[in-house]
Amino acid sequence: MPSSHSATVTALAVAVGLQDGIGGSTFATALILATIVMYDATGVRLQAGRQVEVLNQIVYGLPAEHPLAESSPLGELLGHTPPRVITGGLLGIMTSTIIYLISHSGNNT
């Protein structure tokens, strides 16, 4: 499943670039935001998800009399792999570009 966060921030950056140009501070801000979100999805959040997997395995291995033995498992779906983030980014680029082209197709006359 592609990263919806990556698709959203990439679509935002592309839309700003198409509408206002890539030389302005608005585009630079949108591009930095997209970079941070995509880095977070593949780096910090993915590693946190892997740590949750290990913690769940530790809890499953606890003896029955341990106070945490009956605790419910933590959610493991936190981050995205790089291909999912890239796919989300490409989806955002395509979506934003298509919407821009459709909205400006009648303005050429």
PDB file of N, CA and C in Angstrom:
ATOM      1  N   MET A   1       0.844  -1.177   0.000  1.00  0.00           N
ATOM      2  CA  MET A   1       0.000   0.000   0.000  1.00  0.00           C
ATOM      3  C   MET A   1       0.889   1.241   0.000  1.00  0.00           C
ATOM      4  N   PRO A   2       0.704   2.136  -0.942  1.00  0.00           N
ATOM      5  CA  PRO A   2       1.530   3.354  -0.980  1.00  0.00           C
ATOM      6  C   PRO A   2       1.293   4.230   0.247  1.00  0.00           C
ATOM      7  N   SER A   3       2.280   5.015   0.579  1.00  0.00           N
ATOM      8  CA  SER A   3       2.178   5.919   1.715  1.00  0.00           C
ATOM      9  C   SER A   3       1.268   7.096   1.364  1.00  0.00           C
ATOM     10  N   SER A   4       0.167   7.217   2.088  1.00  0.00           N
ATOM     11  CA  SER A   4      -0.760   8.327   1.823  1.00  0.00           C
ATOM     12  C   SER A   4      -0.159   9.655   2.273  1.00  0.00           C
ATOM     13  N   HIS A   5       0.659   9.617   3.331  1.00  0.00           N
ATOM     14  CA  HIS A   5       1.323  10.850   3.774  1.00  0.00           C
ATOM     15  C   HIS A   5       2.268  11.365   2.691  1.00  0.00           C
ATOM     16  N   SER A   6       3.047  10.461   2.107  1.00  0.00           N
ATOM     17  CA  SER A   6       3.972  10.865   1.042  1.00  0.00           C
ATOM     18  C   SER A   6       3.223  11.384  -0.169  1.00  0.00           C
ATOM     19  N   ALA A   7       2.127  10.727  -0.515  1.00  0.00           N
ATOM     20  CA  ALA A   7       1.326  11.176  -1.657  1.00  0.00           C
ATOM     21  C   ALA A   7       0.768  12.575  -1.412  1.00  0.00           C
ATOM     22  N   THR A   8       0.301  12.820  -0.197  1.00  0.00           N
ATOM     23  CA  THR A   8      -0.306  14.113   0.122  1.00  0.00           C
ATOM     24  C   THR A   8       0.704  15.253   0.066  1.00  0.00           C
ATOM     25  N   VAL A   9       1.841  15.083   0.733  1.00  0.00           N
ATOM     26  CA  VAL A   9       2.811  16.187   0.763  1.00  0.00           C
ATOM     27  C   VAL A   9       3.488  16.381  -0.589  1.00  0.00           C
ATOM     28  N   THR A  10       3.647  15.302  -1.356  1.00  0.00           N
ATOM     29  CA  THR A  10       4.216  15.441  -2.691  1.00  0.00           C
ATOM     30  C   THR A  10       3.233  16.157  -3.610  1.00  0.00           C
ATOM     31  N   ALA A  11       1.954  15.801  -3.507  1.00  0.00           N
ATOM     32  CA  ALA A  11       0.933  16.493  -4.302  1.00  0.00           C
ATOM     33  C   ALA A  11       0.886  17.970  -3.942  1.00  0.00           C
ATOM     34  N   LEU A  12       1.024  18.277  -2.666  1.00  0.00           N
ATOM     35  CA  LEU A  12       1.041  19.679  -2.239  1.00  0.00           C
ATOM     36  C   LEU A  12       2.219  20.429  -2.861  1.00  0.00           C
ATOM     37  N   ALA A  13       3.405  19.839  -2.787  1.00  0.00           N
ATOM     38  CA  ALA A  13       4.592  20.506  -3.334  1.00  0.00           C
ATOM     39  C   ALA A  13       4.467  20.701  -4.844  1.00  0.00           C
ATOM     40  N   VAL A  14       3.981  19.689  -5.543  1.00  0.00           N
ATOM     41  CA  VAL A  14       3.829  19.806  -6.998  1.00  0.00           C
ATOM     42  C   VAL A  14       2.767  20.849  -7.345  1.00  0.00           C
ATOM     43  N   ALA A  15       1.656  20.847  -6.610  1.00  0.00           N
ATOM     44  CA  ALA A  15       0.605  21.834  -6.880  1.00  0.00           C
ATOM     45  C   ALA A  15       1.106  23.257  -6.663  1.00  0.00           C
ATOM     46  N   VAL A  16       1.856  23.471  -5.605  1.00  0.00           N
ATOM     47  CA  VAL A  16       2.422  24.802  -5.350  1.00  0.00           C
ATOM     48  C   VAL A  16       3.405  25.164  -6.457  1.00  0.00           C
ATOM     49  N   GLY A  17       4.234  24.218  -6.851  1.00  0.00           N
ATOM     50  CA  GLY A  17       5.200  24.472  -7.919  1.00  0.00           C
ATOM     51  C   GLY A  17       4.535  24.796  -9.243  1.00  0.00           C
ATOM     52  N   LEU A  18       3.470  24.079  -9.574  1.00  0.00           N
ATOM     53  CA  LEU A  18       2.763  24.333 -10.831  1.00  0.00           C
ATOM     54  C   LEU A  18       2.008  25.655 -10.796  1.00  0.00           C
ATOM     55  N   GLN A  19       1.427  25.980  -9.660  1.00  0.00           N
ATOM     56  CA  GLN A  19       0.609  27.183  -9.558  1.00  0.00           C
ATOM     57  C   GLN A  19       1.457  28.445  -9.390  1.00  0.00           C
ATOM     58  N   ASP A  20       2.433  28.406  -8.484  1.00  0.00           N
ATOM     59  CA  ASP A  20       3.192  29.609  -8.136  1.00  0.00           C
ATOM     60  C   ASP A  20       4.621  29.614  -8.676  1.00  0.00           C
ATOM     61  N   GLY A  21       5.068  28.528  -9.263  1.00  0.00           N
ATOM     62  CA  GLY A  21       6.442  28.429  -9.739  1.00  0.00           C
ATOM     63  C   GLY A  21       7.348  27.830  -8.673  1.00  0.00           C
ATOM     64  N   ILE A  22       8.498  27.356  -9.130  1.00  0.00           N
ATOM     65  CA  ILE A  22       9.404  26.673  -8.201  1.00  0.00           C
ATOM     66  C   ILE A  22      10.453  27.607  -7.605  1.00  0.00           C
ATOM     67  N   GLY A  23      10.380  28.867  -7.909  1.00  0.00           N
ATOM     68  CA  GLY A  23      11.369  29.808  -7.402  1.00  0.00           C
ATOM     69  C   GLY A  23      10.998  30.512  -6.120  1.00  0.00           C
ATOM     70  N   GLY A  24       9.807  30.273  -5.630  1.00  0.00           N
ATOM     71  CA  GLY A  24       9.349  31.013  -4.462  1.00  0.00           C
ATOM     72  C   GLY A  24       9.563  30.290  -3.152  1.00  0.00           C
ATOM     73  N   SER A  25       9.343  31.024  -2.091  1.00  0.00           N
ATOM     74  CA  SER A  25       9.528  30.452  -0.759  1.00  0.00           C
ATOM     75  C   SER A  25       8.415  29.467  -0.410  1.00  0.00           C
ATOM     76  N   THR A  26       7.250  29.624  -1.000  1.00  0.00           N
ATOM     77  CA  THR A  26       6.151  28.693  -0.732  1.00  0.00           C
ATOM     78  C   THR A  26       6.490  27.299  -1.241  1.00  0.00           C
ATOM     79  N   PHE A  27       7.043  27.229  -2.436  1.00  0.00           N
ATOM     80  CA  PHE A  27       7.439  25.939  -2.983  1.00  0.00           C
ATOM     81  C   PHE A  27       8.568  25.337  -2.150  1.00  0.00           C
ATOM     82  N   ALA A  28       9.520  26.154  -1.756  1.00  0.00           N
ATOM     83  CA  ALA A  28      10.624  25.655  -0.933  1.00  0.00           C
ATOM     84  C   ALA A  28      10.107  25.082   0.383  1.00  0.00           C
ATOM     85  N   THR A  29       9.155  25.750   0.997  1.00  0.00           N
ATOM     86  CA  THR A  29       8.570  25.268   2.246  1.00  0.00           C
ATOM     87  C   THR A  29       7.839  23.950   2.028  1.00  0.00           C
ATOM     88  N   ALA A  30       7.055  23.864   0.959  1.00  0.00           N
ATOM     89  CA  ALA A  30       6.328  22.633   0.663  1.00  0.00           C
ATOM     90  C   ALA A  30       7.279  21.482   0.361  1.00  0.00           C
ATOM     91  N   LEU A  31       8.369  21.784  -0.332  1.00  0.00           N
ATOM     92  CA  LEU A  31       9.350  20.754  -0.656  1.00  0.00           C
ATOM     93  C   LEU A  31      10.066  20.254   0.600  1.00  0.00           C
ATOM     94  N   ILE A  32      10.409  21.157   1.492  1.00  0.00           N
ATOM     95  CA  ILE A  32      11.054  20.758   2.752  1.00  0.00           C
ATOM     96  C   ILE A  32      10.087  19.926   3.590  1.00  0.00           C
ATOM     97  N   LEU A  33       8.822  20.334   3.646  1.00  0.00           N
ATOM     98  CA  LEU A  33       7.824  19.558   4.375  1.00  0.00           C
ATOM     99  C   LEU A  33       7.702  18.148   3.799  1.00  0.00           C
ATOM    100  N   ALA A  34       7.648  18.041   2.483  1.00  0.00           N
ATOM    101  CA  ALA A  34       7.546  16.733   1.832  1.00  0.00           C
ATOM    102  C   ALA A  34       8.758  15.871   2.158  1.00  0.00           C
ATOM    103  N   THR A  35       9.930  16.457   2.129  1.00  0.00           N
ATOM    104  CA  THR A  35      11.151  15.708   2.425  1.00  0.00           C
ATOM    105  C   THR A  35      11.148  15.187   3.856  1.00  0.00           C
ATOM    106  N   ILE A  36      10.738  16.026   4.793  1.00  0.00           N
ATOM    107  CA  ILE A  36      10.712  15.620   6.201  1.00  0.00           C
ATOM    108  C   ILE A  36       9.695  14.500   6.420  1.00  0.00           C
ATOM    109  N   VAL A  37       8.511  14.637   5.847  1.00  0.00           N
ATOM    110  CA  VAL A  37       7.475  13.619   6.025  1.00  0.00           C
ATOM    111  C   VAL A  37       7.911  12.293   5.415  1.00  0.00           C
ATOM    112  N   MET A  38       8.518  12.338   4.240  1.00  0.00           N
ATOM    113  CA  MET A  38       8.943  11.102   3.582  1.00  0.00           C
ATOM    114  C   MET A  38      10.111  10.461   4.328  1.00  0.00           C
ATOM    115  N   TYR A  39      11.015  11.265   4.852  1.00  0.00           N
ATOM    116  CA  TYR A  39      12.110  10.733   5.663  1.00  0.00           C
ATOM    117  C   TYR A  39      11.565  10.085   6.929  1.00  0.00           C
ATOM    118  N   ASP A  40      10.603  10.753   7.553  1.00  0.00           N
ATOM    119  CA  ASP A  40      10.002  10.227   8.776  1.00  0.00           C
ATOM    120  C   ASP A  40       9.303   8.897   8.512  1.00  0.00           C
ATOM    121  N   ALA A  41       8.613   8.779   7.388  1.00  0.00           N
ATOM    122  CA  ALA A  41       7.878   7.552   7.071  1.00  0.00           C
ATOM    123  C   ALA A  41       8.812   6.368   6.890  1.00  0.00           C
ATOM    124  N   THR A  42       9.969   6.594   6.273  1.00  0.00           N
ATOM    125  CA  THR A  42      10.888   5.481   6.020  1.00  0.00           C
ATOM    126  C   THR A  42      11.875   5.270   7.151  1.00  0.00           C
ATOM    127  N   GLY A  43      12.200   6.309   7.873  1.00  0.00           N
ATOM    128  CA  GLY A  43      13.234   6.189   8.886  1.00  0.00           C
ATOM    129  C   GLY A  43      12.674   5.966  10.271  1.00  0.00           C
ATOM    130  N   VAL A  44      12.260   7.029  10.888  1.00  0.00           N
ATOM    131  CA  VAL A  44      11.862   6.999  12.294  1.00  0.00           C
ATOM    132  C   VAL A  44      10.672   6.066  12.506  1.00  0.00           C
ATOM    133  N   ARG A  45       9.610   6.235  11.737  1.00  0.00           N
ATOM    134  CA  ARG A  45       8.402   5.439  11.956  1.00  0.00           C
ATOM    135  C   ARG A  45       8.623   3.970  11.631  1.00  0.00           C
ATOM    136  N   LEU A  46       9.398   3.662  10.592  1.00  0.00           N
ATOM    137  CA  LEU A  46       9.667   2.266  10.246  1.00  0.00           C
ATOM    138  C   LEU A  46      10.458   1.589  11.356  1.00  0.00           C
ATOM    139  N   GLN A  47      11.461   2.274  11.882  1.00  0.00           N
ATOM    140  CA  GLN A  47      12.255   1.701  12.968  1.00  0.00           C
ATOM    141  C   GLN A  47      11.419   1.536  14.238  1.00  0.00           C
ATOM    142  N   ALA A  48      10.530   2.480  14.505  1.00  0.00           N
ATOM    143  CA  ALA A  48       9.642   2.355  15.669  1.00  0.00           C
ATOM    144  C   ALA A  48       8.734   1.136  15.510  1.00  0.00           C
ATOM    145  N   GLY A  49       8.256   0.892  14.313  1.00  0.00           N
ATOM    146  CA  GLY A  49       7.427  -0.285  14.053  1.00  0.00           C
ATOM    147  C   GLY A  49       8.191  -1.573  14.280  1.00  0.00           C
ATOM    148  N   ARG A  50       9.445  -1.591  13.895  1.00  0.00           N
ATOM    149  CA  ARG A  50      10.271  -2.786  14.125  1.00  0.00           C
ATOM    150  C   ARG A  50      10.539  -2.982  15.614  1.00  0.00           C
ATOM    151  N   GLN A  51      10.708  -1.910  16.355  1.00  0.00           N
ATOM    152  CA  GLN A  51      10.890  -2.026  17.802  1.00  0.00           C
ATOM    153  C   GLN A  51       9.625  -2.564  18.463  1.00  0.00           C
ATOM    154  N   VAL A  52       8.469  -2.158  17.974  1.00  0.00           N
ATOM    155  CA  VAL A  52       7.210  -2.666  18.517  1.00  0.00           C
ATOM    156  C   VAL A  52       7.112  -4.176  18.292  1.00  0.00           C
ATOM    157  N   GLU A  53       7.538  -4.650  17.127  1.00  0.00           N
ATOM    158  CA  GLU A  53       7.525  -6.089  16.864  1.00  0.00           C
ATOM    159  C   GLU A  53       8.358  -6.837  17.899  1.00  0.00           C
ATOM    160  N   VAL A  54       9.538  -6.323  18.202  1.00  0.00           N
ATOM    161  CA  VAL A  54      10.416  -6.959  19.185  1.00  0.00           C
ATOM    162  C   VAL A  54       9.785  -6.915  20.580  1.00  0.00           C
ATOM    163  N   LEU A  55       9.208  -5.775  20.942  1.00  0.00           N
ATOM    164  CA  LEU A  55       8.553  -5.669  22.248  1.00  0.00           C
ATOM    165  C   LEU A  55       7.395  -6.658  22.374  1.00  0.00           C
ATOM    166  N   ASN A  56       6.626  -6.813  21.321  1.00  0.00           N
ATOM    167  CA  ASN A  56       5.527  -7.776  21.357  1.00  0.00           C
ATOM    168  C   ASN A  56       6.049  -9.197  21.539  1.00  0.00           C
ATOM    169  N   GLN A  57       7.153  -9.528  20.877  1.00  0.00           N
ATOM    170  CA  GLN A  57       7.734 -10.862  21.044  1.00  0.00           C
ATOM    171  C   GLN A  57       8.205 -11.071  22.480  1.00  0.00           C
ATOM    172  N   ILE A  58       8.769 -10.048  23.090  1.00  0.00           N
ATOM    173  CA  ILE A  58       9.216 -10.146  24.481  1.00  0.00           C
ATOM    174  C   ILE A  58       8.016 -10.380  25.403  1.00  0.00           C
ATOM    175  N   VAL A  59       6.933  -9.623  25.184  1.00  0.00           N
ATOM    176  CA  VAL A  59       5.744  -9.765  26.025  1.00  0.00           C
ATOM    177  C   VAL A  59       5.134 -11.152  25.857  1.00  0.00           C
ATOM    178  N   TYR A  60       5.110 -11.683  24.625  1.00  0.00           N
ATOM    179  CA  TYR A  60       4.559 -13.023  24.391  1.00  0.00           C
ATOM    180  C   TYR A  60       5.376 -14.086  25.123  1.00  0.00           C
ATOM    181  N   GLY A  61       6.655 -13.836  25.316  1.00  0.00           N
ATOM    182  CA  GLY A  61       7.529 -14.804  25.973  1.00  0.00           C
ATOM    183  C   GLY A  61       7.532 -14.719  27.489  1.00  0.00           C
ATOM    184  N   LEU A  62       6.800 -13.793  28.065  1.00  0.00           N
ATOM    185  CA  LEU A  62       6.769 -13.649  29.521  1.00  0.00           C
ATOM    186  C   LEU A  62       5.987 -14.794  30.160  1.00  0.00           C
ATOM    187  N   PRO A  63       6.386 -15.187  31.364  1.00  0.00           N
ATOM    188  CA  PRO A  63       5.611 -16.226  32.069  1.00  0.00           C
ATOM    189  C   PRO A  63       4.205 -15.717  32.398  1.00  0.00           C
ATOM    190  N   ALA A  64       3.271 -16.619  32.556  1.00  0.00           N
ATOM    191  CA  ALA A  64       1.865 -16.270  32.762  1.00  0.00           C
ATOM    192  C   ALA A  64       1.645 -15.435  34.014  1.00  0.00           C
ATOM    193  N   GLU A  65       2.479 -15.601  35.031  1.00  0.00           N
ATOM    194  CA  GLU A  65       2.292 -14.860  36.276  1.00  0.00           C
ATOM    195  C   GLU A  65       2.833 -13.432  36.218  1.00  0.00           C
ATOM    196  N   HIS A  66       3.530 -13.077  35.155  1.00  0.00           N
ATOM    197  CA  HIS A  66       4.074 -11.725  35.017  1.00  0.00           C
ATOM    198  C   HIS A  66       2.919 -10.740  34.797  1.00  0.00           C
ATOM    199  N   PRO A  67       2.981  -9.540  35.417  1.00  0.00           N
ATOM    200  CA  PRO A  67       1.876  -8.569  35.280  1.00  0.00           C
ATOM    201  C   PRO A  67       1.610  -8.124  33.838  1.00  0.00           C
ATOM    202  N   LEU A  68       2.616  -8.132  32.985  1.00  0.00           N
ATOM    203  CA  LEU A  68       2.425  -7.686  31.599  1.00  0.00           C
ATOM    204  C   LEU A  68       2.056  -8.813  30.644  1.00  0.00           C
ATOM    205  N   ALA A  69       1.985 -10.043  31.149  1.00  0.00           N
ATOM    206  CA  ALA A  69       1.726 -11.188  30.274  1.00  0.00           C
ATOM    207  C   ALA A  69       0.354 -11.111  29.618  1.00  0.00           C
ATOM    208  N   GLU A  70      -0.596 -10.487  30.258  1.00  0.00           N
ATOM    209  CA  GLU A  70      -1.958 -10.400  29.726  1.00  0.00           C
ATOM    210  C   GLU A  70      -2.218  -9.104  28.959  1.00  0.00           C
ATOM    211  N   SER A  71      -1.211  -8.263  28.808  1.00  0.00           N
ATOM    212  CA  SER A  71      -1.426  -6.993  28.108  1.00  0.00           C
ATOM    213  C   SER A  71      -1.633  -7.241  26.624  1.00  0.00           C
ATOM    214  N   SER A  72      -2.438  -6.388  26.014  1.00  0.00           N
ATOM    215  CA  SER A  72      -2.713  -6.539  24.586  1.00  0.00           C
ATOM    216  C   SER A  72      -1.487  -6.089  23.786  1.00  0.00           C
ATOM    217  N   PRO A  73      -1.275  -6.696  22.615  1.00  0.00           N
ATOM    218  CA  PRO A  73      -0.097  -6.341  21.813  1.00  0.00           C
ATOM    219  C   PRO A  73      -0.183  -4.917  21.276  1.00  0.00           C
ATOM    220  N   LEU A  74       0.962  -4.326  21.081  1.00  0.00           N
ATOM    221  CA  LEU A  74       1.051  -2.983  20.510  1.00  0.00           C
ATOM    222  C   LEU A  74       0.846  -3.054  19.003  1.00  0.00           C
ATOM    223  N   GLY A  75       0.350  -1.982  18.419  1.00  0.00           N
ATOM    224  CA  GLY A  75       0.170  -1.933  16.967  1.00  0.00           C
ATOM    225  C   GLY A  75       1.515  -1.860  16.257  1.00  0.00           C
ATOM    226  N   GLU A  76       1.699  -2.677  15.235  1.00  0.00           N
ATOM    227  CA  GLU A  76       2.990  -2.782  14.562  1.00  0.00           C
ATOM    228  C   GLU A  76       3.052  -2.025  13.244  1.00  0.00           C
ATOM    229  N   LEU A  77       1.949  -1.506  12.778  1.00  0.00           N
ATOM    230  CA  LEU A  77       1.922  -0.850  11.469  1.00  0.00           C
ATOM    231  C   LEU A  77       2.204   0.639  11.614  1.00  0.00           C
ATOM    232  N   LEU A  78       3.463   0.995  11.765  1.00  0.00           N
ATOM    233  CA  LEU A  78       3.825   2.396  11.966  1.00  0.00           C
ATOM    234  C   LEU A  78       4.453   3.025  10.732  1.00  0.00           C
ATOM    235  N   GLY A  79       5.418   2.380  10.136  1.00  0.00           N
ATOM    236  CA  GLY A  79       6.179   3.013   9.068  1.00  0.00           C
ATOM    237  C   GLY A  79       5.955   2.365   7.719  1.00  0.00           C
ATOM    238  N   HIS A  80       6.652   2.883   6.729  1.00  0.00           N
ATOM    239  CA  HIS A  80       6.574   2.370   5.365  1.00  0.00           C
ATOM    240  C   HIS A  80       7.974   2.010   4.883  1.00  0.00           C
ATOM    241  N   THR A  81       8.030   1.045   3.998  1.00  0.00           N
ATOM    242  CA  THR A  81       9.287   0.712   3.350  1.00  0.00           C
ATOM    243  C   THR A  81       9.569   1.762   2.270  1.00  0.00           C
ATOM    244  N   PRO A  82      10.819   1.927   1.866  1.00  0.00           N
ATOM    245  CA  PRO A  82      11.121   2.916   0.814  1.00  0.00           C
ATOM    246  C   PRO A  82      10.302   2.756  -0.466  1.00  0.00           C
ATOM    247  N   PRO A  83      10.063   1.535  -0.968  1.00  0.00           N
ATOM    248  CA  PRO A  83       9.222   1.445  -2.176  1.00  0.00           C
ATOM    249  C   PRO A  83       7.810   1.983  -1.972  1.00  0.00           C
ATOM    250  N   ARG A  84       7.244   1.814  -0.786  1.00  0.00           N
ATOM    251  CA  ARG A  84       5.905   2.346  -0.517  1.00  0.00           C
ATOM    252  C   ARG A  84       5.920   3.870  -0.486  1.00  0.00           C
ATOM    253  N   VAL A  85       6.962   4.447   0.075  1.00  0.00           N
ATOM    254  CA  VAL A  85       7.071   5.910   0.118  1.00  0.00           C
ATOM    255  C   VAL A  85       7.278   6.471  -1.278  1.00  0.00           C
ATOM    256  N   ILE A  86       8.121   5.829  -2.070  1.00  0.00           N
ATOM    257  CA  ILE A  86       8.359   6.272  -3.448  1.00  0.00           C
ATOM    258  C   ILE A  86       7.076   6.168  -4.269  1.00  0.00           C
ATOM    259  N   THR A  87       6.353   5.055  -4.108  1.00  0.00           N
ATOM    260  CA  THR A  87       5.091   4.888  -4.825  1.00  0.00           C
ATOM    261  C   THR A  87       4.089   5.961  -4.417  1.00  0.00           C
ATOM    262  N   GLY A  88       4.015   6.268  -3.122  1.00  0.00           N
ATOM    263  CA  GLY A  88       3.141   7.346  -2.662  1.00  0.00           C
ATOM    264  C   GLY A  88       3.533   8.685  -3.260  1.00  0.00           C
ATOM    265  N   GLY A  89       4.843   8.950  -3.320  1.00  0.00           N
ATOM    266  CA  GLY A  89       5.318  10.193  -3.921  1.00  0.00           C
ATOM    267  C   GLY A  89       4.954  10.295  -5.395  1.00  0.00           C
ATOM    268  N   LEU A  90       5.127   9.197  -6.122  1.00  0.00           N
ATOM    269  CA  LEU A  90       4.765   9.191  -7.545  1.00  0.00           C
ATOM    270  C   LEU A  90       3.260   9.376  -7.735  1.00  0.00           C
ATOM    271  N   LEU A  91       2.484   8.756  -6.862  1.00  0.00           N
ATOM    272  CA  LEU A  91       1.033   8.920  -6.924  1.00  0.00           C
ATOM    273  C   LEU A  91       0.639  10.375  -6.673  1.00  0.00           C
ATOM    274  N   GLY A  92       1.308  11.023  -5.729  1.00  0.00           N
ATOM    275  CA  GLY A  92       1.041  12.431  -5.453  1.00  0.00           C
ATOM    276  C   GLY A  92       1.398  13.322  -6.638  1.00  0.00           C
ATOM    277  N   ILE A  93       2.533  13.043  -7.271  1.00  0.00           N
ATOM    278  CA  ILE A  93       2.950  13.816  -8.447  1.00  0.00           C
ATOM    279  C   ILE A  93       1.929  13.663  -9.568  1.00  0.00           C
ATOM    280  N   MET A  94       1.528  12.420  -9.847  1.00  0.00           N
ATOM    281  CA  MET A  94       0.568  12.175 -10.930  1.00  0.00           C
ATOM    282  C   MET A  94      -0.781  12.823 -10.635  1.00  0.00           C
ATOM    283  N   THR A  95      -1.266  12.667  -9.420  1.00  0.00           N
ATOM    284  CA  THR A  95      -2.572  13.215  -9.059  1.00  0.00           C
ATOM    285  C   THR A  95      -2.589  14.734  -9.193  1.00  0.00           C
ATOM    286  N   SER A  96      -1.589  15.377  -8.638  1.00  0.00           N
ATOM    287  CA  SER A  96      -1.524  16.835  -8.677  1.00  0.00           C
ATOM    288  C   SER A  96      -1.387  17.344 -10.110  1.00  0.00           C
ATOM    289  N   THR A  97      -0.573  16.688 -10.891  1.00  0.00           N
ATOM    290  CA  THR A  97      -0.369  17.106 -12.285  1.00  0.00           C
ATOM    291  C   THR A  97      -1.642  16.932 -13.104  1.00  0.00           C
ATOM    292  N   ILE A  98      -2.320  15.805 -12.926  1.00  0.00           N
ATOM    293  CA  ILE A  98      -3.558  15.557 -13.672  1.00  0.00           C
ATOM    294  C   ILE A  98      -4.625  16.589 -13.304  1.00  0.00           C
ATOM    295  N   ILE A  99      -4.766  16.859 -12.013  1.00  0.00           N
ATOM    296  CA  ILE A  99      -5.753  17.852 -11.584  1.00  0.00           C
ATOM    297  C   ILE A  99      -5.406  19.236 -12.132  1.00  0.00           C
ATOM    298  N   TYR A 100      -4.135  19.586 -12.133  1.00  0.00           N
ATOM    299  CA  TYR A 100      -3.712  20.881 -12.674  1.00  0.00           C
ATOM    300  C   TYR A 100      -4.030  20.962 -14.165  1.00  0.00           C
ATOM    301  N   LEU A 101      -3.709  19.906 -14.910  1.00  0.00           N
ATOM    302  CA  LEU A 101      -3.959  19.912 -16.360  1.00  0.00           C
ATOM    303  C   LEU A 101      -5.460  19.977 -16.670  1.00  0.00           C
ATOM    304  N   ILE A 102      -6.257  19.257 -15.905  1.00  0.00           N
ATOM    305  CA  ILE A 102      -7.712  19.295 -16.128  1.00  0.00           C
ATOM    306  C   ILE A 102      -8.262  20.686 -15.827  1.00  0.00           C
ATOM    307  N   SER A 103      -7.821  21.256 -14.733  1.00  0.00           N
ATOM    308  CA  SER A 103      -8.365  22.567 -14.333  1.00  0.00           C
ATOM    309  C   SER A 103      -7.913  23.694 -15.252  1.00  0.00           C
ATOM    310  N   HIS A 104      -6.803  23.511 -15.955  1.00  0.00           N
ATOM    311  CA  HIS A 104      -6.311  24.553 -16.843  1.00  0.00           C
ATOM    312  C   HIS A 104      -6.543  24.240 -18.327  1.00  0.00           C
ATOM    313  N   SER A 105      -7.218  23.138 -18.624  1.00  0.00           N
ATOM    314  CA  SER A 105      -7.429  22.773 -20.033  1.00  0.00           C
ATOM    315  C   SER A 105      -8.411  23.695 -20.741  1.00  0.00           C
ATOM    316  N   GLY A 106      -9.378  24.236 -20.022  1.00  0.00           N
ATOM    317  CA  GLY A 106     -10.365  25.132 -20.636  1.00  0.00           C
ATOM    318  C   GLY A 106      -9.919  26.569 -20.663  1.00  0.00           C
ATOM    319  N   ASN A 107      -8.795  26.904 -20.072  1.00  0.00           N
ATOM    320  CA  ASN A 107      -8.331  28.289 -19.989  1.00  0.00           C
ATOM    321  C   ASN A 107      -7.393  28.689 -21.118  1.00  0.00           C
ATOM    322  N   ASN A 108      -7.204  27.847 -22.096  1.00  0.00           N
ATOM    323  CA  ASN A 108      -6.244  28.125 -23.163  1.00  0.00           C
ATOM    324  C   ASN A 108      -6.834  28.974 -24.294  1.00  0.00           C
ATOM    325  N   THR A 109      -8.114  29.256 -24.270  1.00  0.00           N
ATOM    326  CA  THR A 109      -8.736  30.008 -25.361  1.00  0.00           C
ATOM    327  C   THR A 109      -8.706  31.490 -25.111  1.00  0.00           C
TER     328      THR A 109
END
